Amino acid sequence: MMKAFSRGRLGTWLARAGVGIGLVSLAAACGDNQDPAGAEALWNALQGSDYRGWERAPGYDARTPSNAPHGGEVDIYINDTLAVALAANEPLDAWPNGSLIVKDGFDDGDLDLVAVMEKRLTGWYWAEYGDDGEALYSGTPDLCVDCHRSGADFVRAFGFP
């Protein structure tokens, strides 16, 4: 059975954040796959790109412990669009369109999920996949948007240069 947001960790994380029991149960029990076709196309593009060969996100040179809902440890990769923006070291107030961030989430050393953010002309597109590649969340799920709202243009793992 595939897991979304590492179900046990999501419930623990939401409970620590003060979210009610009803929402914890709902979020842990189901996903919000708003765009199955788009999520499948993004997954296929990622698999064809060998994203694990991309540059790692700032502060994530190796697998890193995490207390966020995406796993006990994470590997975070960024595509060339985002890497170039970071390397320019110029002030930004938004990440460039075409930016992709891929986070592999691990629990007990095993891949549990793959979370993806893609910056599009219309804003961020989120997708989260189980370890088998099945989309659990896609589009602009409220759970993703609300959590990431506090980040630098919705990116929480690292900030603007």
N, C-alpha and C. Protein backbone atom coordinates (compact mmCIF):
# COMPACT_ATOMS: atom_id res chain seq x y z
N MET A 1 0.85 -1.19 0.00
CA MET A 1 0.00 0.00 0.00
C MET A 1 0.88 1.24 0.00
N MET A 2 0.57 2.17 -0.83
CA MET A 2 1.32 3.40 -0.97
C MET A 2 0.94 4.37 0.14
N LYS A 3 1.89 5.26 0.51
CA LYS A 3 1.66 6.18 1.61
C LYS A 3 1.74 7.62 1.12
N ALA A 4 0.86 8.47 1.61
CA ALA A 4 0.91 9.90 1.30
C ALA A 4 1.49 10.63 2.50
N PHE A 5 2.44 11.47 2.26
CA PHE A 5 3.02 12.29 3.30
C PHE A 5 3.50 11.46 4.48
N SER A 6 3.87 10.24 4.28
CA SER A 6 4.24 9.37 5.38
C SER A 6 3.18 9.51 6.46
N ARG A 7 2.10 8.81 6.31
CA ARG A 7 0.88 9.03 7.09
C ARG A 7 1.11 9.24 8.58
N GLY A 8 1.95 8.44 9.20
CA GLY A 8 2.19 8.62 10.63
C GLY A 8 2.88 9.94 10.91
N ARG A 9 3.87 10.30 10.10
CA ARG A 9 4.60 11.55 10.29
C ARG A 9 3.70 12.75 10.00
N LEU A 10 2.81 12.65 9.02
CA LEU A 10 1.92 13.77 8.71
C LEU A 10 1.00 14.03 9.90
N GLY A 11 0.42 12.99 10.44
CA GLY A 11 -0.45 13.17 11.59
C GLY A 11 0.29 13.78 12.77
N THR A 12 1.49 13.30 13.04
CA THR A 12 2.30 13.84 14.13
C THR A 12 2.64 15.30 13.87
N TRP A 13 3.04 15.60 12.65
CA TRP A 13 3.42 16.97 12.30
C TRP A 13 2.23 17.90 12.41
N LEU A 14 1.07 17.51 11.88
CA LEU A 14 -0.11 18.35 11.94
C LEU A 14 -0.56 18.53 13.39
N ALA A 15 -0.47 17.48 14.20
CA ALA A 15 -0.86 17.60 15.60
C ALA A 15 0.03 18.60 16.32
N ARG A 16 1.36 18.54 16.07
CA ARG A 16 2.28 19.50 16.67
C ARG A 16 1.97 20.92 16.21
N ALA A 17 1.48 21.04 14.99
CA ALA A 17 1.18 22.36 14.45
C ALA A 17 -0.17 22.88 14.96
N GLY A 18 -0.88 22.07 15.73
CA GLY A 18 -2.13 22.50 16.31
C GLY A 18 -3.33 22.30 15.41
N VAL A 19 -3.23 21.44 14.45
CA VAL A 19 -4.36 21.17 13.56
C VAL A 19 -5.27 20.16 14.23
N GLY A 20 -6.57 20.36 14.07
CA GLY A 20 -7.56 19.51 14.72
C GLY A 20 -7.51 18.06 14.31
N ILE A 21 -8.02 17.20 15.16
CA ILE A 21 -8.04 15.75 14.94
C ILE A 21 -8.75 15.40 13.64
N GLY A 22 -9.85 16.06 13.33
CA GLY A 22 -10.59 15.75 12.10
C GLY A 22 -9.74 15.96 10.87
N LEU A 23 -9.02 17.07 10.81
CA LEU A 23 -8.17 17.34 9.65
C LEU A 23 -7.00 16.38 9.60
N VAL A 24 -6.45 16.05 10.75
CA VAL A 24 -5.35 15.09 10.79
C VAL A 24 -5.81 13.76 10.20
N SER A 25 -6.97 13.30 10.62
CA SER A 25 -7.49 12.02 10.12
C SER A 25 -7.76 12.10 8.63
N LEU A 26 -8.36 13.18 8.19
CA LEU A 26 -8.68 13.33 6.77
C LEU A 26 -7.41 13.37 5.93
N ALA A 27 -6.44 14.18 6.33
CA ALA A 27 -5.21 14.32 5.55
C ALA A 27 -4.43 13.02 5.51
N ALA A 28 -4.44 12.30 6.61
CA ALA A 28 -3.67 11.06 6.65
C ALA A 28 -4.34 9.95 5.86
N ALA A 29 -5.65 10.04 5.67
CA ALA A 29 -6.39 8.96 5.04
C ALA A 29 -6.46 9.07 3.53
N CYS A 30 -6.36 10.28 3.00
CA CYS A 30 -6.55 10.43 1.56
C CYS A 30 -5.68 11.55 1.03
N GLY A 31 -5.54 11.62 -0.28
CA GLY A 31 -4.80 12.68 -0.91
C GLY A 31 -5.75 13.68 -1.55
N ASP A 32 -5.19 14.48 -2.41
CA ASP A 32 -5.97 15.49 -3.14
C ASP A 32 -5.37 15.57 -4.53
N ASN A 33 -5.63 14.56 -5.33
CA ASN A 33 -5.09 14.47 -6.67
C ASN A 33 -6.02 15.20 -7.63
N GLN A 34 -5.83 16.52 -7.75
CA GLN A 34 -6.70 17.38 -8.54
C GLN A 34 -6.47 17.24 -10.04
N ASP A 35 -5.30 16.79 -10.44
CA ASP A 35 -4.93 16.77 -11.86
C ASP A 35 -4.17 15.47 -12.18
N PRO A 36 -4.87 14.34 -12.21
CA PRO A 36 -4.20 13.06 -12.44
C PRO A 36 -3.37 13.02 -13.73
N ALA A 37 -3.90 13.55 -14.82
CA ALA A 37 -3.16 13.52 -16.09
C ALA A 37 -1.91 14.39 -16.02
N GLY A 38 -2.03 15.57 -15.42
CA GLY A 38 -0.87 16.46 -15.27
C GLY A 38 0.18 15.86 -14.36
N ALA A 39 -0.27 15.22 -13.28
CA ALA A 39 0.66 14.59 -12.35
C ALA A 39 1.40 13.43 -13.03
N GLU A 40 0.68 12.66 -13.84
CA GLU A 40 1.32 11.55 -14.55
C GLU A 40 2.35 12.07 -15.56
N ALA A 41 2.00 13.14 -16.27
CA ALA A 41 2.94 13.72 -17.25
C ALA A 41 4.18 14.25 -16.55
N LEU A 42 4.00 14.91 -15.40
CA LEU A 42 5.15 15.43 -14.65
C LEU A 42 6.03 14.28 -14.15
N TRP A 43 5.41 13.23 -13.63
CA TRP A 43 6.16 12.07 -13.14
C TRP A 43 6.99 11.45 -14.27
N ASN A 44 6.37 11.28 -15.43
CA ASN A 44 7.09 10.69 -16.57
C ASN A 44 8.24 11.58 -17.01
N ALA A 45 8.03 12.89 -17.01
CA ALA A 45 9.11 13.82 -17.38
C ALA A 45 10.26 13.73 -16.37
N LEU A 46 9.93 13.65 -15.09
CA LEU A 46 10.97 13.54 -14.07
C LEU A 46 11.76 12.25 -14.21
N GLN A 47 11.06 11.16 -14.45
CA GLN A 47 11.75 9.87 -14.60
C GLN A 47 12.69 9.90 -15.81
N GLY A 48 12.28 10.58 -16.87
CA GLY A 48 13.12 10.69 -18.06
C GLY A 48 14.28 11.65 -17.90
N SER A 49 14.22 12.50 -16.88
CA SER A 49 15.27 13.51 -16.70
C SER A 49 16.39 13.08 -15.76
N ASP A 50 16.25 11.96 -15.09
CA ASP A 50 17.22 11.51 -14.10
C ASP A 50 17.46 12.62 -13.07
N TYR A 51 16.38 13.08 -12.46
CA TYR A 51 16.46 14.22 -11.54
C TYR A 51 17.44 14.00 -10.39
N ARG A 52 17.71 12.78 -10.02
CA ARG A 52 18.66 12.54 -8.92
C ARG A 52 20.10 12.90 -9.32
N GLY A 53 20.30 13.20 -10.59
CA GLY A 53 21.59 13.69 -11.06
C GLY A 53 21.67 15.22 -11.09
N TRP A 54 20.56 15.90 -10.75
CA TRP A 54 20.53 17.35 -10.72
C TRP A 54 21.33 17.87 -9.52
N GLU A 55 21.57 19.16 -9.53
CA GLU A 55 22.21 19.81 -8.39
C GLU A 55 21.31 19.66 -7.17
N ARG A 56 21.96 19.58 -6.02
CA ARG A 56 21.19 19.50 -4.78
C ARG A 56 20.85 20.91 -4.30
N ALA A 57 19.75 21.01 -3.59
CA ALA A 57 19.30 22.29 -3.06
C ALA A 57 20.29 22.80 -2.02
N PRO A 58 20.38 24.12 -1.86
CA PRO A 58 21.27 24.68 -0.83
C PRO A 58 20.95 24.11 0.55
N GLY A 59 21.98 23.67 1.24
CA GLY A 59 21.81 23.10 2.57
C GLY A 59 21.46 21.62 2.57
N TYR A 60 21.38 21.02 1.39
CA TYR A 60 20.99 19.61 1.28
C TYR A 60 21.99 18.85 0.42
N ASP A 61 23.26 18.98 0.77
CA ASP A 61 24.32 18.32 -0.01
C ASP A 61 24.27 16.79 0.10
N ALA A 62 23.60 16.31 1.11
CA ALA A 62 23.44 14.87 1.33
C ALA A 62 22.07 14.66 1.97
N ARG A 63 21.68 13.44 2.13
CA ARG A 63 20.40 13.16 2.80
C ARG A 63 20.41 13.84 4.16
N THR A 64 19.32 14.51 4.46
CA THR A 64 19.25 15.38 5.63
C THR A 64 18.06 15.00 6.50
N PRO A 65 18.25 14.94 7.82
CA PRO A 65 17.10 14.70 8.71
C PRO A 65 16.06 15.81 8.54
N SER A 66 14.79 15.44 8.69
CA SER A 66 13.70 16.38 8.50
C SER A 66 12.62 16.15 9.54
N ASN A 67 12.00 17.24 9.98
CA ASN A 67 10.84 17.10 10.86
C ASN A 67 9.57 17.56 10.15
N ALA A 68 9.66 17.75 8.84
CA ALA A 68 8.50 18.13 8.02
C ALA A 68 7.73 16.86 7.63
N PRO A 69 6.56 17.01 7.03
CA PRO A 69 5.73 15.84 6.74
C PRO A 69 6.17 15.00 5.54
N HIS A 70 7.31 15.32 4.94
CA HIS A 70 7.74 14.58 3.75
C HIS A 70 8.71 13.45 4.03
N GLY A 71 8.92 13.10 5.28
CA GLY A 71 9.78 11.97 5.62
C GLY A 71 10.76 12.33 6.72
N GLY A 72 11.29 11.32 7.35
CA GLY A 72 12.26 11.52 8.43
C GLY A 72 13.60 12.01 7.92
N GLU A 73 13.90 11.72 6.66
CA GLU A 73 15.10 12.22 5.99
C GLU A 73 14.71 12.57 4.57
N VAL A 74 15.42 13.56 3.99
CA VAL A 74 15.08 14.00 2.64
C VAL A 74 16.34 14.25 1.81
N ASP A 75 16.20 14.03 0.51
CA ASP A 75 17.14 14.48 -0.50
C ASP A 75 16.36 15.49 -1.34
N ILE A 76 16.95 16.66 -1.59
CA ILE A 76 16.25 17.68 -2.37
C ILE A 76 17.11 18.07 -3.56
N TYR A 77 16.49 18.05 -4.73
CA TYR A 77 17.17 18.34 -6.00
C TYR A 77 16.50 19.54 -6.67
N ILE A 78 17.31 20.33 -7.39
CA ILE A 78 16.78 21.48 -8.12
C ILE A 78 17.23 21.40 -9.57
N ASN A 79 16.37 21.87 -10.47
CA ASN A 79 16.72 21.82 -11.89
C ASN A 79 17.64 23.00 -12.26
N ASP A 80 18.09 23.01 -13.51
CA ASP A 80 19.03 24.04 -13.97
C ASP A 80 18.45 25.44 -13.86
N THR A 81 17.17 25.61 -14.14
CA THR A 81 16.54 26.93 -14.06
C THR A 81 16.73 27.53 -12.67
N LEU A 82 16.47 26.75 -11.66
CA LEU A 82 16.60 27.22 -10.29
C LEU A 82 18.07 27.34 -9.89
N ALA A 83 18.89 26.40 -10.32
CA ALA A 83 20.32 26.45 -10.00
C ALA A 83 20.96 27.72 -10.56
N VAL A 84 20.61 28.11 -11.78
CA VAL A 84 21.16 29.32 -12.40
C VAL A 84 20.71 30.56 -11.62
N ALA A 85 19.45 30.59 -11.22
CA ALA A 85 18.94 31.73 -10.44
C ALA A 85 19.68 31.86 -9.11
N LEU A 86 19.95 30.75 -8.46
CA LEU A 86 20.68 30.79 -7.20
C LEU A 86 22.14 31.19 -7.41
N ALA A 87 22.76 30.66 -8.46
CA ALA A 87 24.18 30.95 -8.72
C ALA A 87 24.41 32.41 -9.09
N ALA A 88 23.41 33.06 -9.69
CA ALA A 88 23.55 34.47 -10.07
C ALA A 88 23.70 35.35 -8.83
N ASN A 89 23.24 34.86 -7.70
CA ASN A 89 23.37 35.56 -6.42
C ASN A 89 22.85 37.00 -6.48
N GLU A 90 21.80 37.20 -7.27
CA GLU A 90 21.15 38.50 -7.37
C GLU A 90 19.85 38.46 -6.59
N PRO A 91 19.43 39.60 -6.05
CA PRO A 91 18.19 39.61 -5.26
C PRO A 91 16.99 39.14 -6.10
N LEU A 92 16.19 38.32 -5.49
CA LEU A 92 14.96 37.81 -6.12
C LEU A 92 13.79 38.04 -5.18
N ASP A 93 12.60 38.21 -5.74
CA ASP A 93 11.40 38.21 -4.90
C ASP A 93 10.45 37.10 -5.34
N ALA A 94 10.88 36.34 -6.36
CA ALA A 94 10.13 35.17 -6.82
C ALA A 94 11.09 34.26 -7.57
N TRP A 95 10.81 32.96 -7.52
CA TRP A 95 11.62 32.01 -8.28
C TRP A 95 11.18 32.06 -9.74
N PRO A 96 12.11 31.81 -10.67
CA PRO A 96 11.74 31.91 -12.09
C PRO A 96 10.79 30.79 -12.53
N ASN A 97 9.94 31.13 -13.50
CA ASN A 97 9.09 30.12 -14.11
C ASN A 97 9.97 29.01 -14.67
N GLY A 98 9.52 27.80 -14.56
CA GLY A 98 10.30 26.65 -15.01
C GLY A 98 11.11 26.01 -13.90
N SER A 99 11.16 26.65 -12.72
CA SER A 99 11.88 26.07 -11.59
C SER A 99 11.21 24.77 -11.16
N LEU A 100 12.04 23.78 -10.87
CA LEU A 100 11.55 22.49 -10.36
C LEU A 100 12.34 22.11 -9.12
N ILE A 101 11.62 21.69 -8.11
CA ILE A 101 12.23 21.19 -6.88
C ILE A 101 11.65 19.81 -6.64
N VAL A 102 12.52 18.85 -6.43
CA VAL A 102 12.08 17.47 -6.19
C VAL A 102 12.65 17.01 -4.87
N LYS A 103 11.79 16.54 -4.00
CA LYS A 103 12.20 16.06 -2.68
C LYS A 103 11.86 14.59 -2.55
N ASP A 104 12.88 13.78 -2.35
CA ASP A 104 12.67 12.37 -2.03
C ASP A 104 12.58 12.26 -0.52
N GLY A 105 11.48 11.70 -0.01
CA GLY A 105 11.28 11.54 1.42
C GLY A 105 11.49 10.09 1.83
N PHE A 106 12.28 9.90 2.87
CA PHE A 106 12.63 8.57 3.35
C PHE A 106 12.17 8.38 4.80
N ASP A 107 11.70 7.20 5.09
CA ASP A 107 11.42 6.79 6.47
C ASP A 107 12.13 5.48 6.70
N ASP A 108 12.89 5.42 7.77
CA ASP A 108 13.65 4.21 8.11
C ASP A 108 14.54 3.76 6.96
N GLY A 109 15.09 4.73 6.20
CA GLY A 109 16.00 4.43 5.11
C GLY A 109 15.36 4.05 3.80
N ASP A 110 14.04 3.89 3.78
CA ASP A 110 13.33 3.49 2.57
C ASP A 110 12.63 4.69 1.94
N LEU A 111 12.68 4.77 0.60
CA LEU A 111 11.95 5.81 -0.10
C LEU A 111 10.47 5.67 0.20
N ASP A 112 9.86 6.74 0.68
CA ASP A 112 8.46 6.73 1.05
C ASP A 112 7.63 7.53 0.06
N LEU A 113 8.18 8.64 -0.42
CA LEU A 113 7.43 9.50 -1.33
C LEU A 113 8.36 10.41 -2.11
N VAL A 114 7.81 10.99 -3.16
CA VAL A 114 8.50 11.99 -3.96
C VAL A 114 7.57 13.19 -4.05
N ALA A 115 8.03 14.33 -3.54
CA ALA A 115 7.25 15.57 -3.57
C ALA A 115 7.89 16.52 -4.58
N VAL A 116 7.05 17.15 -5.39
CA VAL A 116 7.54 18.00 -6.48
C VAL A 116 6.82 19.35 -6.46
N MET A 117 7.60 20.40 -6.70
CA MET A 117 7.04 21.73 -6.93
C MET A 117 7.56 22.21 -8.27
N GLU A 118 6.66 22.67 -9.12
CA GLU A 118 7.04 23.20 -10.42
C GLU A 118 6.45 24.60 -10.56
N LYS A 119 7.31 25.61 -10.80
CA LYS A 119 6.83 26.99 -10.97
C LYS A 119 6.37 27.18 -12.41
N ARG A 120 5.11 27.49 -12.57
CA ARG A 120 4.49 27.70 -13.88
C ARG A 120 4.03 29.15 -13.99
N LEU A 121 3.62 29.54 -15.17
CA LEU A 121 3.12 30.91 -15.38
C LEU A 121 1.95 31.21 -14.46
N THR A 122 1.18 30.20 -14.12
CA THR A 122 0.00 30.37 -13.26
C THR A 122 0.34 30.25 -11.78
N GLY A 123 1.59 29.98 -11.44
CA GLY A 123 2.00 29.81 -10.04
C GLY A 123 2.58 28.41 -9.84
N TRP A 124 2.68 28.02 -8.60
CA TRP A 124 3.27 26.72 -8.28
C TRP A 124 2.26 25.59 -8.53
N TYR A 125 2.80 24.50 -9.04
CA TYR A 125 2.07 23.25 -9.22
C TYR A 125 2.72 22.25 -8.29
N TRP A 126 1.93 21.61 -7.45
CA TRP A 126 2.45 20.62 -6.51
C TRP A 126 2.03 19.23 -6.93
N ALA A 127 2.89 18.27 -6.68
CA ALA A 127 2.53 16.87 -6.86
C ALA A 127 3.30 16.05 -5.83
N GLU A 128 2.64 15.06 -5.31
CA GLU A 128 3.30 14.13 -4.40
C GLU A 128 2.92 12.73 -4.82
N TYR A 129 3.93 11.88 -4.84
CA TYR A 129 3.77 10.51 -5.35
C TYR A 129 4.18 9.53 -4.27
N GLY A 130 3.50 8.40 -4.25
CA GLY A 130 3.95 7.30 -3.41
C GLY A 130 5.22 6.71 -3.97
N ASP A 131 5.81 5.80 -3.25
CA ASP A 131 7.07 5.20 -3.71
C ASP A 131 6.91 4.41 -5.00
N ASP A 132 5.67 4.15 -5.40
CA ASP A 132 5.43 3.44 -6.65
C ASP A 132 5.11 4.38 -7.81
N GLY A 133 5.16 5.70 -7.56
CA GLY A 133 4.90 6.68 -8.61
C GLY A 133 3.45 7.08 -8.78
N GLU A 134 2.56 6.53 -7.97
CA GLU A 134 1.16 6.91 -8.06
C GLU A 134 0.95 8.27 -7.39
N ALA A 135 0.29 9.20 -8.11
CA ALA A 135 0.05 10.54 -7.57
C ALA A 135 -0.99 10.50 -6.46
N LEU A 136 -0.64 11.15 -5.36
CA LEU A 136 -1.55 11.27 -4.22
C LEU A 136 -2.08 12.69 -4.11
N TYR A 137 -1.25 13.64 -4.45
CA TYR A 137 -1.61 15.05 -4.45
C TYR A 137 -1.13 15.63 -5.77
N SER A 138 -1.92 16.56 -6.33
CA SER A 138 -1.48 17.27 -7.53
C SER A 138 -2.32 18.52 -7.71
N GLY A 139 -1.76 19.46 -8.43
CA GLY A 139 -2.44 20.72 -8.68
C GLY A 139 -2.04 21.74 -7.64
N THR A 140 -3.04 22.31 -6.96
CA THR A 140 -2.79 23.28 -5.89
C THR A 140 -3.57 22.88 -4.64
N PRO A 141 -3.24 21.72 -4.07
CA PRO A 141 -3.96 21.27 -2.88
C PRO A 141 -3.81 22.27 -1.73
N ASP A 142 -4.90 22.55 -1.05
CA ASP A 142 -4.87 23.50 0.07
C ASP A 142 -3.82 23.11 1.10
N LEU A 143 -3.66 21.83 1.35
CA LEU A 143 -2.68 21.37 2.34
C LEU A 143 -1.27 21.84 1.97
N CYS A 144 -0.92 21.73 0.69
CA CYS A 144 0.40 22.16 0.22
C CYS A 144 0.53 23.68 0.27
N VAL A 145 -0.45 24.36 -0.31
CA VAL A 145 -0.42 25.82 -0.38
C VAL A 145 -0.35 26.43 1.01
N ASP A 146 -1.18 25.96 1.93
CA ASP A 146 -1.21 26.54 3.27
C ASP A 146 0.10 26.34 4.01
N CYS A 147 0.71 25.19 3.88
CA CYS A 147 1.97 24.92 4.56
C CYS A 147 3.11 25.74 3.94
N HIS A 148 3.16 25.80 2.62
CA HIS A 148 4.27 26.46 1.93
C HIS A 148 4.13 27.98 1.87
N ARG A 149 3.00 28.50 2.26
CA ARG A 149 2.75 29.94 2.21
C ARG A 149 3.84 30.73 2.95
N SER A 150 4.40 30.16 3.98
CA SER A 150 5.40 30.87 4.79
C SER A 150 6.79 30.89 4.14
N GLY A 151 6.97 30.20 3.04
CA GLY A 151 8.29 30.12 2.41
C GLY A 151 8.59 31.30 1.50
N ALA A 152 9.82 31.32 1.00
CA ALA A 152 10.25 32.33 0.03
C ALA A 152 9.62 31.97 -1.31
N ASP A 153 8.58 32.69 -1.70
CA ASP A 153 7.77 32.33 -2.88
C ASP A 153 7.35 30.86 -2.78
N PHE A 154 6.87 30.50 -1.62
CA PHE A 154 6.33 29.18 -1.31
C PHE A 154 7.38 28.07 -1.16
N VAL A 155 8.66 28.39 -1.23
CA VAL A 155 9.72 27.40 -1.03
C VAL A 155 10.20 27.50 0.41
N ARG A 156 10.03 26.44 1.16
CA ARG A 156 10.40 26.45 2.58
C ARG A 156 11.80 25.89 2.85
N ALA A 157 12.32 25.07 1.97
CA ALA A 157 13.59 24.39 2.26
C ALA A 157 14.79 25.32 2.19
N PHE A 158 14.71 26.38 1.41
CA PHE A 158 15.81 27.35 1.28
C PHE A 158 15.22 28.68 0.83
N GLY A 159 15.99 29.74 1.05
CA GLY A 159 15.49 31.08 0.74
C GLY A 159 16.12 31.68 -0.49
N PHE A 160 15.72 32.90 -0.77
CA PHE A 160 16.27 33.65 -1.90
C PHE A 160 17.74 33.98 -1.63
N PRO A 161 18.50 34.16 -2.73
CA PRO A 161 19.91 34.59 -2.55
C PRO A 161 19.96 36.00 -1.96
